[in-house]
Amino acid sequence: MSNKIKVAAVSYLNTKPLLYGIERSDVMNDIELVVDYPANLARRLQEGSIDLALLPVAAMPQIEGARIISDYGIATDGNVVSVALFSHVPIEEVEVVYLDYQSRTSVRLAQVLLEHHWKKDVVYKQAAVDYIDNDIKGDNAGVIIGDRALQQLGNFKYVYDLSAAWKDYTGLDFIFAAWIANKDLPVDFIEKFNKANAIGFDHLDEIIAANPFPEYSLYTYYTDNIKYVLDERKRAGLKRFLELI
């Protein structure tokens, strides 16, 4: 086991198409696969307890030797739906923003947009586990990500999609997470891993059937909201984001 490449990802719905192929390909013979919160993956990559992670891109500057090793990740070119600022008042009236404890890239994106795009000076607070029900009220807003964000879409009057706001502000696409290593990995492994990532997109019906989610159409989510191929437009957006943070 010690010779296997330690790979970490998150278990959100948006990763299911990528993990589907990985878990069903012979690349599993080469890896140990674990799941964790996105905010924990950077620490684990830094300390060397994993070799490769589907890492929130805001963590890249803090990781020596960080490099993207796959053509696949979690990106968007407009509405992402599952990363948003939720409130009961318009953005102009927001005074306090609670930051999702599960995230790093999303909260940094929110801070960039509040400062540069919305021109808002707000108080930031680290969210507790129960912040959605207890803290996002009055002139408080909160960054909510992942499956919980999809579940909250109908519960707030104002939902500011952070990817759409980034597009409005910069005109660029956005990468939320990419497969990132902090060391060179074998070329043959990278090729095999890349091919494994692609398998799930031929099995979306099966993935959707296995993950019932009545709050939002997963077909729309997987084919319209999330863009999984990290093309040059996505990488240009990443470059701009890293410059701003």
C-alpha atoms as a PDB file:
ATOM      1  CA  MET A   1       0.000   0.000   0.000  1.00  0.00           C
ATOM      2  CA  SER A   2       2.859   2.377   0.757  1.00  0.00           C
ATOM      3  CA  ASN A   3       3.777   2.524  -2.930  1.00  0.00           C
ATOM      4  CA  LYS A   4       0.317   3.630  -3.984  1.00  0.00           C
ATOM      5  CA  ILE A   5      -0.408   7.250  -4.864  1.00  0.00           C
ATOM      6  CA  LYS A   6      -2.605   8.790  -2.192  1.00  0.00           C
ATOM      7  CA  VAL A   7      -5.463  10.651  -3.887  1.00  0.00           C
ATOM      8  CA  ALA A   8      -8.056  12.782  -2.101  1.00  0.00           C
ATOM      9  CA  ALA A   9     -11.314  14.303  -3.296  1.00  0.00           C
ATOM     10  CA  VAL A  10     -14.569  15.629  -1.889  1.00  0.00           C
ATOM     11  CA  SER A  11     -17.853  13.781  -1.889  1.00  0.00           C
ATOM     12  CA  TYR A  12     -20.085  16.552  -3.241  1.00  0.00           C
ATOM     13  CA  LEU A  13     -22.456  15.837  -6.090  1.00  0.00           C
ATOM     14  CA  ASN A  14     -20.267  17.835  -8.457  1.00  0.00           C
ATOM     15  CA  THR A  15     -17.432  15.318  -8.135  1.00  0.00           C
ATOM     16  CA  LYS A  16     -19.545  12.244  -8.907  1.00  0.00           C
ATOM     17  CA  PRO A  17     -18.872  12.214 -12.692  1.00  0.00           C
ATOM     18  CA  LEU A  18     -15.105  12.376 -12.079  1.00  0.00           C
ATOM     19  CA  LEU A  19     -15.047   9.782  -9.305  1.00  0.00           C
ATOM     20  CA  TYR A  20     -17.313   7.421 -11.247  1.00  0.00           C
ATOM     21  CA  GLY A  21     -14.607   6.670 -13.789  1.00  0.00           C
ATOM     22  CA  ILE A  22     -11.740   6.677 -11.333  1.00  0.00           C
ATOM     23  CA  GLU A  23     -13.459   4.152  -9.074  1.00  0.00           C
ATOM     24  CA  ARG A  24     -14.242   1.871 -12.032  1.00  0.00           C
ATOM     25  CA  SER A  25     -10.944   1.983 -13.902  1.00  0.00           C
ATOM     26  CA  ASP A  26      -7.735   0.074 -13.337  1.00  0.00           C
ATOM     27  CA  VAL A  27      -6.132   3.294 -12.059  1.00  0.00           C
ATOM     28  CA  MET A  28      -7.597   2.181  -8.704  1.00  0.00           C
ATOM     29  CA  ASN A  29      -4.791  -0.396  -8.605  1.00  0.00           C
ATOM     30  CA  ASP A  30      -2.332   2.498  -8.359  1.00  0.00           C
ATOM     31  CA  ILE A  31      -4.043   4.695  -5.768  1.00  0.00           C
ATOM     32  CA  GLU A  32      -5.512   4.995  -2.298  1.00  0.00           C
ATOM     33  CA  LEU A  33      -8.638   7.140  -2.620  1.00  0.00           C
ATOM     34  CA  VAL A  34      -9.995   9.120   0.340  1.00  0.00           C
ATOM     35  CA  VAL A  35     -12.620  11.850   0.708  1.00  0.00           C
ATOM     36  CA  ASP A  36     -12.561  14.960   2.898  1.00  0.00           C
ATOM     37  CA  TYR A  37     -13.812  18.547   3.086  1.00  0.00           C
ATOM     38  CA  PRO A  38     -12.218  20.746   0.388  1.00  0.00           C
ATOM     39  CA  ALA A  39     -10.750  23.070   3.030  1.00  0.00           C
ATOM     40  CA  ASN A  40      -8.813  20.149   4.570  1.00  0.00           C
ATOM     41  CA  LEU A  41      -7.179  18.931   1.370  1.00  0.00           C
ATOM     42  CA  ALA A  42      -4.577  21.715   1.204  1.00  0.00           C
ATOM     43  CA  ARG A  43      -3.307  20.940   4.686  1.00  0.00           C
ATOM     44  CA  ARG A  44      -3.060  17.252   3.860  1.00  0.00           C
ATOM     45  CA  LEU A  45      -1.183  17.961   0.630  1.00  0.00           C
ATOM     46  CA  GLN A  46       1.189  20.325   2.460  1.00  0.00           C
ATOM     47  CA  GLU A  47       1.953  17.800   5.184  1.00  0.00           C
ATOM     48  CA  GLY A  48       2.463  15.005   2.665  1.00  0.00           C
ATOM     49  CA  SER A  49      -0.284  12.670   3.872  1.00  0.00           C
ATOM     50  CA  ILE A  50      -1.672  12.723   0.307  1.00  0.00           C
ATOM     51  CA  ASP A  51       0.047  13.057  -3.076  1.00  0.00           C
ATOM     52  CA  LEU A  52      -2.759  14.386  -5.261  1.00  0.00           C
ATOM     53  CA  ALA A  53      -6.019  16.169  -4.503  1.00  0.00           C
ATOM     54  CA  LEU A  54      -9.030  17.653  -6.207  1.00  0.00           C
ATOM     55  CA  LEU A  55      -7.935  20.844  -4.523  1.00  0.00           C
ATOM     56  CA  PRO A  56      -9.652  24.218  -4.150  1.00  0.00           C
ATOM     57  CA  VAL A  57      -7.472  26.446  -6.314  1.00  0.00           C
ATOM     58  CA  ALA A  58      -7.166  29.231  -3.714  1.00  0.00           C
ATOM     59  CA  ALA A  59      -4.811  26.912  -1.825  1.00  0.00           C
ATOM     60  CA  MET A  60      -2.292  26.681  -4.663  1.00  0.00           C
ATOM     61  CA  PRO A  61      -0.092  29.662  -3.635  1.00  0.00           C
ATOM     62  CA  GLN A  62       0.483  28.104  -0.199  1.00  0.00           C
ATOM     63  CA  ILE A  63       1.650  24.744  -1.559  1.00  0.00           C
ATOM     64  CA  GLU A  64       5.231  24.535  -2.726  1.00  0.00           C
ATOM     65  CA  GLY A  65       5.490  22.945  -6.155  1.00  0.00           C
ATOM     66  CA  ALA A  66       1.735  22.913  -6.759  1.00  0.00           C
ATOM     67  CA  ARG A  67       0.870  21.906 -10.322  1.00  0.00           C
ATOM     68  CA  ILE A  68      -2.315  20.894 -12.141  1.00  0.00           C
ATOM     69  CA  ILE A  69      -1.856  17.377 -13.528  1.00  0.00           C
ATOM     70  CA  SER A  70      -5.167  16.688 -15.288  1.00  0.00           C
ATOM     71  CA  ASP A  71      -7.347  18.193 -17.991  1.00  0.00           C
ATOM     72  CA  TYR A  72     -10.344  17.739 -15.674  1.00  0.00           C
ATOM     73  CA  GLY A  73     -11.611  19.633 -12.640  1.00  0.00           C
ATOM     74  CA  ILE A  74     -14.563  21.640 -11.357  1.00  0.00           C
ATOM     75  CA  ALA A  75     -15.065  24.828 -13.367  1.00  0.00           C
ATOM     76  CA  THR A  76     -17.767  27.069 -14.812  1.00  0.00           C
ATOM     77  CA  ASP A  77     -18.400  29.643 -17.508  1.00  0.00           C
ATOM     78  CA  GLY A  78     -21.383  31.337 -15.856  1.00  0.00           C
ATOM     79  CA  ASN A  79     -23.961  30.184 -13.316  1.00  0.00           C
ATOM     80  CA  VAL A  80     -22.573  27.431 -11.117  1.00  0.00           C
ATOM     81  CA  VAL A  81     -25.651  27.412  -8.806  1.00  0.00           C
ATOM     82  CA  SER A  82     -23.877  25.534  -5.995  1.00  0.00           C
ATOM     83  CA  VAL A  83     -21.602  28.380  -4.882  1.00  0.00           C
ATOM     84  CA  ALA A  84     -23.483  31.492  -3.870  1.00  0.00           C
ATOM     85  CA  LEU A  85     -23.997  34.287  -1.397  1.00  0.00           C
ATOM     86  CA  PHE A  86     -27.404  33.845   0.256  1.00  0.00           C
ATOM     87  CA  SER A  87     -29.324  36.566   2.083  1.00  0.00           C
ATOM     88  CA  HIS A  88     -32.757  37.913   2.885  1.00  0.00           C
ATOM     89  CA  VAL A  89     -31.764  41.439   1.854  1.00  0.00           C
ATOM     90  CA  PRO A  90     -30.153  42.812  -1.323  1.00  0.00           C
ATOM     91  CA  ILE A  91     -26.371  42.955  -1.512  1.00  0.00           C
ATOM     92  CA  GLU A  92     -26.433  46.731  -0.935  1.00  0.00           C
ATOM     93  CA  GLU A  93     -27.831  46.167   2.569  1.00  0.00           C
ATOM     94  CA  VAL A  94     -25.569  43.300   3.636  1.00  0.00           C
ATOM     95  CA  GLU A  95     -23.337  44.148   6.627  1.00  0.00           C
ATOM     96  CA  VAL A  96     -22.045  40.751   7.808  1.00  0.00           C
ATOM     97  CA  VAL A  97     -20.996  37.750   5.711  1.00  0.00           C
ATOM     98  CA  TYR A  98     -20.609  34.271   7.196  1.00  0.00           C
ATOM     99  CA  LEU A  99     -17.969  32.180   5.459  1.00  0.00           C
ATOM    100  CA  ASP A 100     -18.649  28.499   4.814  1.00  0.00           C
ATOM    101  CA  TYR A 101     -16.285  26.421   6.958  1.00  0.00           C
ATOM    102  CA  GLN A 102     -16.065  23.730   4.252  1.00  0.00           C
ATOM    103  CA  SER A 103     -14.587  26.026   1.638  1.00  0.00           C
ATOM    104  CA  ARG A 104     -11.505  28.014   0.785  1.00  0.00           C
ATOM    105  CA  THR A 105     -11.749  29.039  -2.867  1.00  0.00           C
ATOM    106  CA  SER A 106     -15.419  29.985  -2.589  1.00  0.00           C
ATOM    107  CA  VAL A 107     -14.914  32.252   0.413  1.00  0.00           C
ATOM    108  CA  ARG A 108     -11.922  33.946  -1.217  1.00  0.00           C
ATOM    109  CA  LEU A 109     -13.975  34.436  -4.375  1.00  0.00           C
ATOM    110  CA  ALA A 110     -16.755  35.997  -2.297  1.00  0.00           C
ATOM    111  CA  GLN A 111     -14.266  38.351  -0.649  1.00  0.00           C
ATOM    112  CA  VAL A 112     -12.779  39.378  -3.992  1.00  0.00           C
ATOM    113  CA  LEU A 113     -16.216  40.077  -5.438  1.00  0.00           C
ATOM    114  CA  LEU A 114     -17.466  41.969  -2.392  1.00  0.00           C
ATOM    115  CA  GLU A 115     -14.415  44.219  -2.464  1.00  0.00           C
ATOM    116  CA  HIS A 116     -13.878  44.735  -6.189  1.00  0.00           C
ATOM    117  CA  HIS A 117     -17.215  44.005  -7.860  1.00  0.00           C
ATOM    118  CA  TRP A 118     -19.879  44.966  -5.342  1.00  0.00           C
ATOM    119  CA  LYS A 119     -17.649  47.557  -3.577  1.00  0.00           C
ATOM    120  CA  LYS A 120     -18.852  46.395  -0.178  1.00  0.00           C
ATOM    121  CA  ASP A 121     -17.032  46.758   3.135  1.00  0.00           C
ATOM    122  CA  VAL A 122     -18.489  44.024   5.322  1.00  0.00           C
ATOM    123  CA  VAL A 123     -17.631  42.157   8.501  1.00  0.00           C
ATOM    124  CA  TYR A 124     -16.571  38.569   7.866  1.00  0.00           C
ATOM    125  CA  LYS A 125     -17.345  35.833  10.354  1.00  0.00           C
ATOM    126  CA  GLN A 126     -16.338  32.196  10.317  1.00  0.00           C
ATOM    127  CA  ALA A 127     -19.485  30.129  10.072  1.00  0.00           C
ATOM    128  CA  ALA A 128     -20.473  27.551  12.638  1.00  0.00           C
ATOM    129  CA  VAL A 129     -21.991  24.237  11.598  1.00  0.00           C
ATOM    130  CA  ASP A 130     -25.545  25.524  12.060  1.00  0.00           C
ATOM    131  CA  TYR A 131     -25.007  28.977  10.526  1.00  0.00           C
ATOM    132  CA  ILE A 132     -27.504  28.600   7.682  1.00  0.00           C
ATOM    133  CA  ASP A 133     -30.493  28.412  10.013  1.00  0.00           C
ATOM    134  CA  ASN A 134     -29.177  30.504  12.880  1.00  0.00           C
ATOM    135  CA  ASP A 135     -27.015  33.275  11.436  1.00  0.00           C
ATOM    136  CA  ILE A 136     -28.162  34.202   7.925  1.00  0.00           C
ATOM    137  CA  LYS A 137     -30.896  36.620   8.941  1.00  0.00           C
ATOM    138  CA  GLY A 138     -31.480  40.361   8.974  1.00  0.00           C
ATOM    139  CA  ASP A 139     -28.633  42.081   7.150  1.00  0.00           C
ATOM    140  CA  ASN A 140     -26.386  39.024   7.471  1.00  0.00           C
ATOM    141  CA  ALA A 141     -25.489  36.976   4.402  1.00  0.00           C
ATOM    142  CA  GLY A 142     -23.649  33.695   4.054  1.00  0.00           C
ATOM    143  CA  VAL A 143     -21.524  31.866   1.518  1.00  0.00           C
ATOM    144  CA  ILE A 144     -22.972  28.396   1.026  1.00  0.00           C
ATOM    145  CA  ILE A 145     -21.386  25.813  -1.249  1.00  0.00           C
ATOM    146  CA  GLY A 146     -21.958  22.358  -2.620  1.00  0.00           C
ATOM    147  CA  ASP A 147     -25.023  20.210  -2.141  1.00  0.00           C
ATOM    148  CA  ARG A 148     -26.304  22.402   0.710  1.00  0.00           C
ATOM    149  CA  ALA A 149     -26.343  25.411  -1.614  1.00  0.00           C
ATOM    150  CA  LEU A 150     -28.566  23.540  -4.067  1.00  0.00           C
ATOM    151  CA  GLN A 151     -30.890  22.633  -1.208  1.00  0.00           C
ATOM    152  CA  GLN A 152     -31.146  26.274  -0.090  1.00  0.00           C
ATOM    153  CA  LEU A 153     -32.052  27.840  -3.447  1.00  0.00           C
ATOM    154  CA  GLY A 154     -35.713  28.256  -2.572  1.00  0.00           C
ATOM    155  CA  ASN A 155     -35.175  29.394   0.998  1.00  0.00           C
ATOM    156  CA  PHE A 156     -33.669  32.849   0.446  1.00  0.00           C
ATOM    157  CA  LYS A 157     -34.971  35.878  -1.390  1.00  0.00           C
ATOM    158  CA  TYR A 158     -31.516  36.838  -2.676  1.00  0.00           C
ATOM    159  CA  VAL A 159     -29.070  34.323  -4.127  1.00  0.00           C
ATOM    160  CA  TYR A 160     -25.937  35.765  -5.711  1.00  0.00           C
ATOM    161  CA  ASP A 161     -24.223  33.124  -7.842  1.00  0.00           C
ATOM    162  CA  LEU A 162     -20.505  33.746  -7.320  1.00  0.00           C
ATOM    163  CA  SER A 163     -19.409  32.290 -10.648  1.00  0.00           C
ATOM    164  CA  ALA A 164     -21.909  34.452 -12.540  1.00  0.00           C
ATOM    165  CA  ALA A 165     -20.718  37.495 -10.582  1.00  0.00           C
ATOM    166  CA  TRP A 166     -17.105  36.636 -11.430  1.00  0.00           C
ATOM    167  CA  LYS A 167     -18.074  36.434 -15.103  1.00  0.00           C
ATOM    168  CA  ASP A 168     -19.762  39.836 -14.858  1.00  0.00           C
ATOM    169  CA  TYR A 169     -16.733  41.338 -13.134  1.00  0.00           C
ATOM    170  CA  THR A 170     -13.915  39.856 -15.239  1.00  0.00           C
ATOM    171  CA  GLY A 171     -15.511  38.366 -18.353  1.00  0.00           C
ATOM    172  CA  LEU A 172     -13.609  35.170 -17.526  1.00  0.00           C
ATOM    173  CA  ASP A 173     -14.442  31.577 -16.687  1.00  0.00           C
ATOM    174  CA  PHE A 174     -13.616  30.183 -13.261  1.00  0.00           C
ATOM    175  CA  ILE A 175     -11.947  27.057 -11.872  1.00  0.00           C
ATOM    176  CA  PHE A 176     -13.071  26.064  -8.379  1.00  0.00           C
ATOM    177  CA  ALA A 177     -10.966  22.927  -8.010  1.00  0.00           C
ATOM    178  CA  ALA A 178      -8.390  21.019 -10.020  1.00  0.00           C
ATOM    179  CA  TRP A 179      -6.389  17.835  -9.605  1.00  0.00           C
ATOM    180  CA  ILE A 180      -3.239  19.239  -8.030  1.00  0.00           C
ATOM    181  CA  ALA A 181      -0.029  17.532  -6.957  1.00  0.00           C
ATOM    182  CA  ASN A 182       2.996  18.999  -5.215  1.00  0.00           C
ATOM    183  CA  LYS A 183       5.503  16.698  -6.868  1.00  0.00           C
ATOM    184  CA  ASP A 184       6.146  15.023 -10.191  1.00  0.00           C
ATOM    185  CA  LEU A 185       3.992  11.963 -10.758  1.00  0.00           C
ATOM    186  CA  PRO A 186       4.695   9.194 -13.298  1.00  0.00           C
ATOM    187  CA  VAL A 187       3.665  10.160 -16.823  1.00  0.00           C
ATOM    188  CA  ASP A 188       1.908   6.855 -17.425  1.00  0.00           C
ATOM    189  CA  PHE A 189      -0.112   7.325 -14.242  1.00  0.00           C
ATOM    190  CA  ILE A 190      -1.176  10.838 -15.276  1.00  0.00           C
ATOM    191  CA  GLU A 191      -2.336   9.577 -18.672  1.00  0.00           C
ATOM    192  CA  LYS A 192      -4.303   6.736 -17.071  1.00  0.00           C
ATOM    193  CA  PHE A 193      -5.765   9.066 -14.440  1.00  0.00           C
ATOM    194  CA  ASN A 194      -6.815  11.598 -17.059  1.00  0.00           C
ATOM    195  CA  LYS A 195      -8.639   8.947 -19.084  1.00  0.00           C
ATOM    196  CA  ALA A 196     -10.349   7.648 -15.952  1.00  0.00           C
ATOM    197  CA  ASN A 197     -11.751  11.118 -15.203  1.00  0.00           C
ATOM    198  CA  ALA A 198     -13.494  11.153 -18.576  1.00  0.00           C
ATOM    199  CA  ILE A 199     -15.365   7.866 -18.209  1.00  0.00           C
ATOM    200  CA  GLY A 200     -18.235   9.182 -16.117  1.00  0.00           C
ATOM    201  CA  PHE A 201     -19.491  11.567 -18.784  1.00  0.00           C
ATOM    202  CA  ASP A 202     -20.690   8.601 -20.819  1.00  0.00           C
ATOM    203  CA  HIS A 203     -22.681   7.388 -17.792  1.00  0.00           C
ATOM    204  CA  LEU A 204     -24.482  10.485 -16.540  1.00  0.00           C
ATOM    205  CA  ASP A 205     -27.887   8.779 -16.514  1.00  0.00           C
ATOM    206  CA  GLU A 206     -26.504   6.072 -14.250  1.00  0.00           C
ATOM    207  CA  ILE A 207     -24.812   8.610 -11.954  1.00  0.00           C
ATOM    208  CA  ILE A 208     -27.993  10.673 -11.687  1.00  0.00           C
ATOM    209  CA  ALA A 209     -30.105   7.599 -10.943  1.00  0.00           C
ATOM    210  CA  ALA A 210     -27.706   6.595  -8.179  1.00  0.00           C
ATOM    211  CA  ASN A 211     -27.828  10.035  -6.554  1.00  0.00           C
ATOM    212  CA  PRO A 212     -31.474  11.122  -6.315  1.00  0.00           C
ATOM    213  CA  PHE A 213     -31.639  14.857  -5.629  1.00  0.00           C
ATOM    214  CA  PRO A 214     -35.124  16.316  -5.957  1.00  0.00           C
ATOM    215  CA  GLU A 215     -34.054  19.883  -5.116  1.00  0.00           C
ATOM    216  CA  TYR A 216     -32.284  20.466  -8.428  1.00  0.00           C
ATOM    217  CA  SER A 217     -31.854  18.790 -11.818  1.00  0.00           C
ATOM    218  CA  LEU A 218     -28.547  16.963 -11.754  1.00  0.00           C
ATOM    219  CA  TYR A 219     -28.641  16.670 -15.527  1.00  0.00           C
ATOM    220  CA  THR A 220     -28.653  20.471 -15.760  1.00  0.00           C
ATOM    221  CA  TYR A 221     -25.992  20.658 -13.082  1.00  0.00           C
ATOM    222  CA  TYR A 222     -23.645  18.215 -14.812  1.00  0.00           C
ATOM    223  CA  THR A 223     -24.136  19.399 -18.378  1.00  0.00           C
ATOM    224  CA  ASP A 224     -24.801  23.128 -18.048  1.00  0.00           C
ATOM    225  CA  ASN A 225     -23.618  24.507 -14.720  1.00  0.00           C
ATOM    226  CA  ILE A 226     -20.391  22.574 -14.170  1.00  0.00           C
ATOM    227  CA  LYS A 227     -17.719  22.533 -16.864  1.00  0.00           C
ATOM    228  CA  TYR A 228     -15.315  19.709 -16.242  1.00  0.00           C
ATOM    229  CA  VAL A 229     -12.676  20.290 -18.940  1.00  0.00           C
ATOM    230  CA  LEU A 230     -10.035  22.837 -17.955  1.00  0.00           C
ATOM    231  CA  ASP A 231      -9.508  24.568 -21.283  1.00  0.00           C
ATOM    232  CA  GLU A 232      -7.510  27.729 -21.860  1.00  0.00           C
ATOM    233  CA  ARG A 233     -10.463  29.988 -21.010  1.00  0.00           C
ATOM    234  CA  LYS A 234     -10.747  28.313 -17.622  1.00  0.00           C
ATOM    235  CA  ARG A 235      -7.008  28.575 -16.999  1.00  0.00           C
ATOM    236  CA  ALA A 236      -7.042  32.262 -17.917  1.00  0.00           C
ATOM    237  CA  GLY A 237      -9.699  32.803 -15.268  1.00  0.00           C
ATOM    238  CA  LEU A 238      -7.575  30.911 -12.750  1.00  0.00           C
ATOM    239  CA  LYS A 239      -4.564  33.085 -13.512  1.00  0.00           C
ATOM    240  CA  ARG A 240      -6.605  36.229 -12.894  1.00  0.00           C
ATOM    241  CA  PHE A 241      -8.076  34.874  -9.658  1.00  0.00           C
ATOM    242  CA  LEU A 242      -4.668  33.944  -8.273  1.00  0.00           C
ATOM    243  CA  GLU A 243      -3.444  37.447  -9.082  1.00  0.00           C
ATOM    244  CA  LEU A 244      -6.313  38.973  -7.100  1.00  0.00           C
ATOM    245  CA  ILE A 245      -5.850  36.858  -3.983  1.00  0.00           C
END
